[in-house]
């Protein structure tokens, strides 16, 4: 399964309630035996749609202003869930663990 297969999938909470749709993922670079390795950090979940941020998740990305405002409104309520808070990911909806935390999806400049 690839990331493209998962984008747009429904995300549900442990009790079956709707959390949103997978719009993106976050990776971190971790030291590895042969240099830095990308490690999955978390999932970006939008409550209403499955469109991407197009780079506007960066805190300083605010131009052109009309597009920045449009995407900010469209993605209100979007959150980051850490990978360890994902109970199930594969075919069908992605399920979050009980007690998961919602973090800001914004990236610093």
N, C-alpha and C. Protein backbone atom coordinates (compact mmCIF):
# COMPACT_ATOMS: atom_id res chain seq x y z
N UNK A 1 0.84 -1.17 0.00
CA UNK A 1 0.00 0.00 0.00
C UNK A 1 0.89 1.24 0.00
N UNK A 2 0.52 2.23 -0.78
CA UNK A 2 1.28 3.47 -0.84
C UNK A 2 0.49 4.61 -0.21
N UNK A 3 1.16 5.72 0.01
CA UNK A 3 0.50 6.89 0.58
C UNK A 3 -0.66 7.34 -0.30
N UNK A 4 -0.48 7.30 -1.59
CA UNK A 4 -1.53 7.72 -2.51
C UNK A 4 -2.79 6.89 -2.31
N UNK A 5 -2.63 5.62 -1.96
CA UNK A 5 -3.79 4.76 -1.71
C UNK A 5 -4.57 5.21 -0.47
N UNK A 6 -3.90 5.84 0.48
CA UNK A 6 -4.54 6.22 1.74
C UNK A 6 -5.12 7.63 1.74
N UNK A 7 -4.56 8.54 0.95
CA UNK A 7 -5.06 9.91 0.94
C UNK A 7 -6.54 9.95 0.58
N UNK A 8 -7.28 10.70 1.35
CA UNK A 8 -8.71 10.81 1.14
C UNK A 8 -9.53 9.79 1.92
N UNK A 9 -8.87 8.80 2.55
CA UNK A 9 -9.61 7.80 3.33
C UNK A 9 -10.28 8.45 4.53
N UNK A 10 -11.41 7.88 4.90
CA UNK A 10 -12.09 8.31 6.12
C UNK A 10 -11.24 7.93 7.33
N UNK A 11 -11.30 8.77 8.35
CA UNK A 11 -10.63 8.50 9.62
C UNK A 11 -11.71 8.47 10.69
N UNK A 12 -11.73 7.39 11.47
CA UNK A 12 -12.74 7.26 12.51
C UNK A 12 -12.07 7.19 13.88
N UNK A 13 -12.84 7.53 14.90
CA UNK A 13 -12.37 7.40 16.27
C UNK A 13 -12.58 5.97 16.73
N UNK A 14 -12.06 5.62 17.90
CA UNK A 14 -12.12 4.24 18.39
C UNK A 14 -13.54 3.73 18.53
N UNK A 15 -14.50 4.64 18.76
CA UNK A 15 -15.90 4.23 18.95
C UNK A 15 -16.70 4.26 17.65
N UNK A 16 -16.01 4.52 16.52
CA UNK A 16 -16.68 4.54 15.23
C UNK A 16 -17.13 5.90 14.76
N UNK A 17 -16.98 6.93 15.62
CA UNK A 17 -17.36 8.29 15.23
C UNK A 17 -16.44 8.84 14.16
N UNK A 18 -16.97 9.70 13.32
CA UNK A 18 -16.21 10.29 12.22
C UNK A 18 -15.21 11.33 12.76
N UNK A 19 -13.92 11.19 12.41
CA UNK A 19 -12.90 12.17 12.77
C UNK A 19 -12.57 13.08 11.58
N UNK A 20 -12.67 12.55 10.36
CA UNK A 20 -12.39 13.35 9.17
C UNK A 20 -11.83 12.51 8.05
N UNK A 21 -10.94 13.14 7.27
CA UNK A 21 -10.33 12.49 6.11
C UNK A 21 -8.82 12.72 6.14
N UNK A 22 -8.06 11.72 5.73
CA UNK A 22 -6.61 11.84 5.68
C UNK A 22 -6.23 12.74 4.50
N UNK A 23 -5.55 13.86 4.81
CA UNK A 23 -5.15 14.79 3.75
C UNK A 23 -3.65 14.80 3.50
N UNK A 24 -2.86 14.39 4.49
CA UNK A 24 -1.41 14.42 4.33
C UNK A 24 -0.78 13.63 5.46
N UNK A 25 0.52 13.43 5.39
CA UNK A 25 1.28 12.79 6.46
C UNK A 25 2.50 13.65 6.76
N UNK A 26 3.07 13.44 7.93
CA UNK A 26 4.29 14.14 8.33
C UNK A 26 5.37 13.11 8.59
N UNK A 27 6.56 13.43 8.12
CA UNK A 27 7.74 12.61 8.36
C UNK A 27 8.77 13.43 9.11
N UNK A 28 9.62 12.77 9.88
CA UNK A 28 10.78 13.40 10.50
C UNK A 28 12.01 12.65 10.03
N UNK A 29 13.13 13.35 10.00
CA UNK A 29 14.39 12.69 9.66
C UNK A 29 15.04 12.20 10.94
N UNK A 30 15.28 10.91 11.01
CA UNK A 30 15.90 10.29 12.18
C UNK A 30 17.25 9.72 11.76
N UNK A 31 18.22 9.73 12.67
CA UNK A 31 19.51 9.15 12.31
C UNK A 31 19.38 7.65 12.03
N UNK A 32 20.07 7.22 11.00
CA UNK A 32 20.07 5.80 10.64
C UNK A 32 21.49 5.32 10.43
N UNK A 33 21.64 4.05 10.22
CA UNK A 33 22.97 3.47 10.06
C UNK A 33 23.66 3.97 8.79
N UNK A 34 22.90 4.34 7.79
CA UNK A 34 23.48 4.83 6.53
C UNK A 34 23.10 6.28 6.25
N UNK A 35 22.89 7.05 7.30
CA UNK A 35 22.50 8.45 7.15
C UNK A 35 21.06 8.65 7.60
N UNK A 36 20.56 9.88 7.48
CA UNK A 36 19.20 10.16 7.94
C UNK A 36 18.15 9.31 7.21
N UNK A 37 17.15 8.88 7.96
CA UNK A 37 16.06 8.09 7.41
C UNK A 37 14.74 8.79 7.73
N UNK A 38 13.83 8.81 6.77
CA UNK A 38 12.51 9.39 7.01
C UNK A 38 11.69 8.41 7.84
N UNK A 39 11.09 8.93 8.91
CA UNK A 39 10.25 8.12 9.79
C UNK A 39 8.88 8.78 9.86
N UNK A 40 7.81 7.99 9.72
CA UNK A 40 6.46 8.53 9.77
C UNK A 40 6.18 9.09 11.16
N UNK A 41 5.79 10.35 11.21
CA UNK A 41 5.55 11.04 12.47
C UNK A 41 4.07 11.10 12.82
N UNK A 42 3.24 11.42 11.82
CA UNK A 42 1.81 11.54 12.09
C UNK A 42 0.99 11.75 10.85
N UNK A 43 -0.32 11.83 11.06
CA UNK A 43 -1.28 12.00 9.99
C UNK A 43 -1.97 13.35 10.12
N UNK A 44 -2.23 14.00 9.00
CA UNK A 44 -2.98 15.24 8.98
C UNK A 44 -4.42 14.89 8.59
N UNK A 45 -5.35 15.28 9.45
CA UNK A 45 -6.75 14.92 9.26
C UNK A 45 -7.60 16.18 9.18
N UNK A 46 -8.42 16.25 8.13
CA UNK A 46 -9.33 17.37 7.94
C UNK A 46 -10.75 16.89 8.19
N UNK A 47 -11.53 17.65 8.97
CA UNK A 47 -12.88 17.19 9.30
C UNK A 47 -13.88 17.22 8.14
N UNK A 48 -13.61 18.02 7.10
CA UNK A 48 -14.62 18.20 6.07
C UNK A 48 -14.22 17.78 4.67
N UNK A 49 -12.96 17.73 4.36
CA UNK A 49 -12.58 17.46 2.97
C UNK A 49 -11.24 16.76 2.91
N UNK A 50 -10.89 16.32 1.73
CA UNK A 50 -9.64 15.59 1.58
C UNK A 50 -8.65 16.34 0.68
N UNK A 51 -8.80 17.66 0.57
CA UNK A 51 -7.85 18.43 -0.24
C UNK A 51 -6.61 18.75 0.58
N UNK A 52 -5.52 19.04 -0.11
CA UNK A 52 -4.24 19.30 0.56
C UNK A 52 -4.05 20.78 0.83
N UNK A 53 -3.07 21.10 1.68
CA UNK A 53 -2.76 22.48 2.04
C UNK A 53 -2.00 23.23 0.95
N UNK A 54 -1.36 22.52 0.04
CA UNK A 54 -0.58 23.14 -1.05
C UNK A 54 0.52 24.06 -0.52
N UNK A 55 1.12 23.69 0.61
CA UNK A 55 2.22 24.48 1.17
C UNK A 55 1.78 25.57 2.13
N UNK A 56 0.48 25.83 2.24
CA UNK A 56 -0.01 26.90 3.10
C UNK A 56 -0.13 26.49 4.57
N UNK A 57 0.34 25.28 4.93
CA UNK A 57 0.36 24.91 6.34
C UNK A 57 1.56 25.55 7.05
N UNK A 58 2.45 26.13 6.29
CA UNK A 58 3.59 26.83 6.89
C UNK A 58 3.11 28.14 7.49
N UNK A 59 3.57 28.46 8.70
CA UNK A 59 3.03 29.61 9.41
C UNK A 59 3.27 30.93 8.69
N UNK A 60 4.32 31.04 7.90
CA UNK A 60 4.60 32.30 7.21
C UNK A 60 4.04 32.34 5.78
N UNK A 61 3.41 31.29 5.32
CA UNK A 61 2.86 31.27 3.96
C UNK A 61 1.51 31.99 3.97
N UNK A 62 1.51 33.23 3.51
CA UNK A 62 0.27 33.99 3.53
C UNK A 62 0.06 34.82 2.26
N UNK A 63 0.78 34.51 1.21
CA UNK A 63 0.65 35.22 -0.06
C UNK A 63 0.52 34.23 -1.19
N UNK A 64 -0.28 34.41 -2.18
CA UNK A 64 -1.25 35.48 -2.28
C UNK A 64 -2.33 35.35 -1.20
N UNK A 65 -2.69 36.47 -0.65
CA UNK A 65 -3.57 36.52 0.52
C UNK A 65 -4.92 35.87 0.26
N UNK A 66 -5.47 36.05 -0.92
CA UNK A 66 -6.78 35.48 -1.22
C UNK A 66 -6.75 33.95 -1.13
N UNK A 67 -5.71 33.34 -1.68
CA UNK A 67 -5.58 31.88 -1.62
C UNK A 67 -5.32 31.43 -0.19
N UNK A 68 -4.46 32.15 0.53
CA UNK A 68 -4.16 31.79 1.92
C UNK A 68 -5.42 31.83 2.78
N UNK A 69 -6.24 32.86 2.62
CA UNK A 69 -7.49 32.96 3.39
C UNK A 69 -8.47 31.84 3.01
N UNK A 70 -8.56 31.58 1.71
CA UNK A 70 -9.46 30.51 1.24
C UNK A 70 -9.06 29.16 1.84
N UNK A 71 -7.77 28.83 1.78
CA UNK A 71 -7.31 27.54 2.30
C UNK A 71 -7.41 27.48 3.82
N UNK A 72 -7.17 28.61 4.51
CA UNK A 72 -7.30 28.62 5.97
C UNK A 72 -8.74 28.33 6.37
N UNK A 73 -9.68 28.92 5.66
CA UNK A 73 -11.10 28.66 5.96
C UNK A 73 -11.47 27.22 5.62
N UNK A 74 -11.01 26.75 4.49
CA UNK A 74 -11.34 25.39 4.04
C UNK A 74 -10.77 24.33 5.00
N UNK A 75 -9.63 24.61 5.60
CA UNK A 75 -8.98 23.63 6.47
C UNK A 75 -9.15 23.91 7.96
N UNK A 76 -10.08 24.77 8.31
CA UNK A 76 -10.30 25.01 9.74
C UNK A 76 -10.72 23.71 10.41
N UNK A 77 -10.18 23.47 11.58
CA UNK A 77 -10.47 22.23 12.29
C UNK A 77 -9.54 21.08 11.94
N UNK A 78 -8.63 21.29 10.99
CA UNK A 78 -7.68 20.24 10.62
C UNK A 78 -6.68 20.04 11.75
N UNK A 79 -6.26 18.80 11.96
CA UNK A 79 -5.36 18.51 13.07
C UNK A 79 -4.36 17.42 12.70
N UNK A 80 -3.31 17.35 13.50
CA UNK A 80 -2.26 16.33 13.37
C UNK A 80 -2.47 15.29 14.46
N UNK A 81 -2.39 14.02 14.09
CA UNK A 81 -2.44 12.90 15.05
C UNK A 81 -1.12 12.16 14.91
N UNK A 82 -0.46 11.90 16.03
CA UNK A 82 0.80 11.18 16.00
C UNK A 82 0.58 9.74 15.55
N UNK A 83 1.57 9.19 14.87
CA UNK A 83 1.47 7.84 14.32
C UNK A 83 1.16 6.81 15.40
N UNK A 84 1.71 6.99 16.61
CA UNK A 84 1.45 6.00 17.67
C UNK A 84 0.00 6.04 18.15
N UNK A 85 -0.76 7.06 17.76
CA UNK A 85 -2.18 7.13 18.12
C UNK A 85 -3.09 6.51 17.06
N UNK A 86 -2.50 5.89 16.05
CA UNK A 86 -3.28 5.22 15.01
C UNK A 86 -3.41 3.74 15.39
N UNK A 87 -4.65 3.28 15.54
CA UNK A 87 -4.88 1.89 15.92
C UNK A 87 -4.87 0.96 14.71
N UNK A 88 -5.43 1.43 13.58
CA UNK A 88 -5.52 0.59 12.40
C UNK A 88 -5.43 1.46 11.16
N UNK A 89 -4.63 1.01 10.20
CA UNK A 89 -4.45 1.75 8.96
C UNK A 89 -4.24 0.73 7.84
N UNK A 90 -5.08 0.78 6.86
CA UNK A 90 -4.99 -0.18 5.77
C UNK A 90 -6.21 -0.03 4.88
N UNK A 91 -6.80 -1.15 4.52
CA UNK A 91 -8.02 -1.11 3.71
C UNK A 91 -9.18 -0.70 4.61
N UNK A 92 -10.04 0.13 4.12
CA UNK A 92 -11.15 0.64 4.92
C UNK A 92 -10.72 1.87 5.68
N UNK A 93 -11.56 2.34 6.60
CA UNK A 93 -11.23 3.57 7.32
C UNK A 93 -10.02 3.41 8.24
N UNK A 94 -9.34 4.51 8.47
CA UNK A 94 -8.23 4.55 9.41
C UNK A 94 -8.83 4.78 10.79
N UNK A 95 -8.40 3.99 11.77
CA UNK A 95 -8.98 4.09 13.11
C UNK A 95 -7.97 4.66 14.09
N UNK A 96 -8.42 5.61 14.91
CA UNK A 96 -7.57 6.22 15.94
C UNK A 96 -7.77 5.53 17.27
N UNK A 97 -6.72 5.53 18.09
CA UNK A 97 -6.79 4.91 19.41
C UNK A 97 -7.62 5.77 20.37
N UNK A 98 -8.15 5.13 21.37
CA UNK A 98 -8.86 5.86 22.42
C UNK A 98 -7.89 6.79 23.13
N UNK A 99 -8.30 8.01 23.39
CA UNK A 99 -7.45 8.97 24.10
C UNK A 99 -6.42 9.67 23.24
N UNK A 100 -6.53 9.59 21.91
CA UNK A 100 -5.56 10.27 21.04
C UNK A 100 -5.64 11.78 21.26
N UNK A 101 -4.55 12.48 20.94
CA UNK A 101 -4.50 13.94 21.07
C UNK A 101 -4.48 14.57 19.70
N UNK A 102 -5.10 15.73 19.60
CA UNK A 102 -5.10 16.53 18.38
C UNK A 102 -4.07 17.64 18.53
N UNK A 103 -3.16 17.74 17.55
CA UNK A 103 -2.13 18.76 17.55
C UNK A 103 -2.34 19.70 16.36
N UNK A 104 -1.75 20.86 16.43
CA UNK A 104 -1.84 21.81 15.32
C UNK A 104 -1.11 21.24 14.11
N UNK A 105 -1.70 21.40 12.91
CA UNK A 105 -1.02 20.92 11.70
C UNK A 105 -0.04 21.94 11.14
N UNK A 106 0.04 23.13 11.73
CA UNK A 106 0.88 24.20 11.21
C UNK A 106 2.36 23.86 11.36
N UNK A 107 3.13 24.21 10.35
CA UNK A 107 4.58 24.02 10.36
C UNK A 107 5.26 25.36 10.55
N UNK A 108 6.28 25.44 11.41
CA UNK A 108 7.01 26.71 11.54
C UNK A 108 7.79 27.02 10.27
N UNK A 109 8.07 28.29 10.08
CA UNK A 109 8.83 28.73 8.90
C UNK A 109 10.23 28.19 8.94
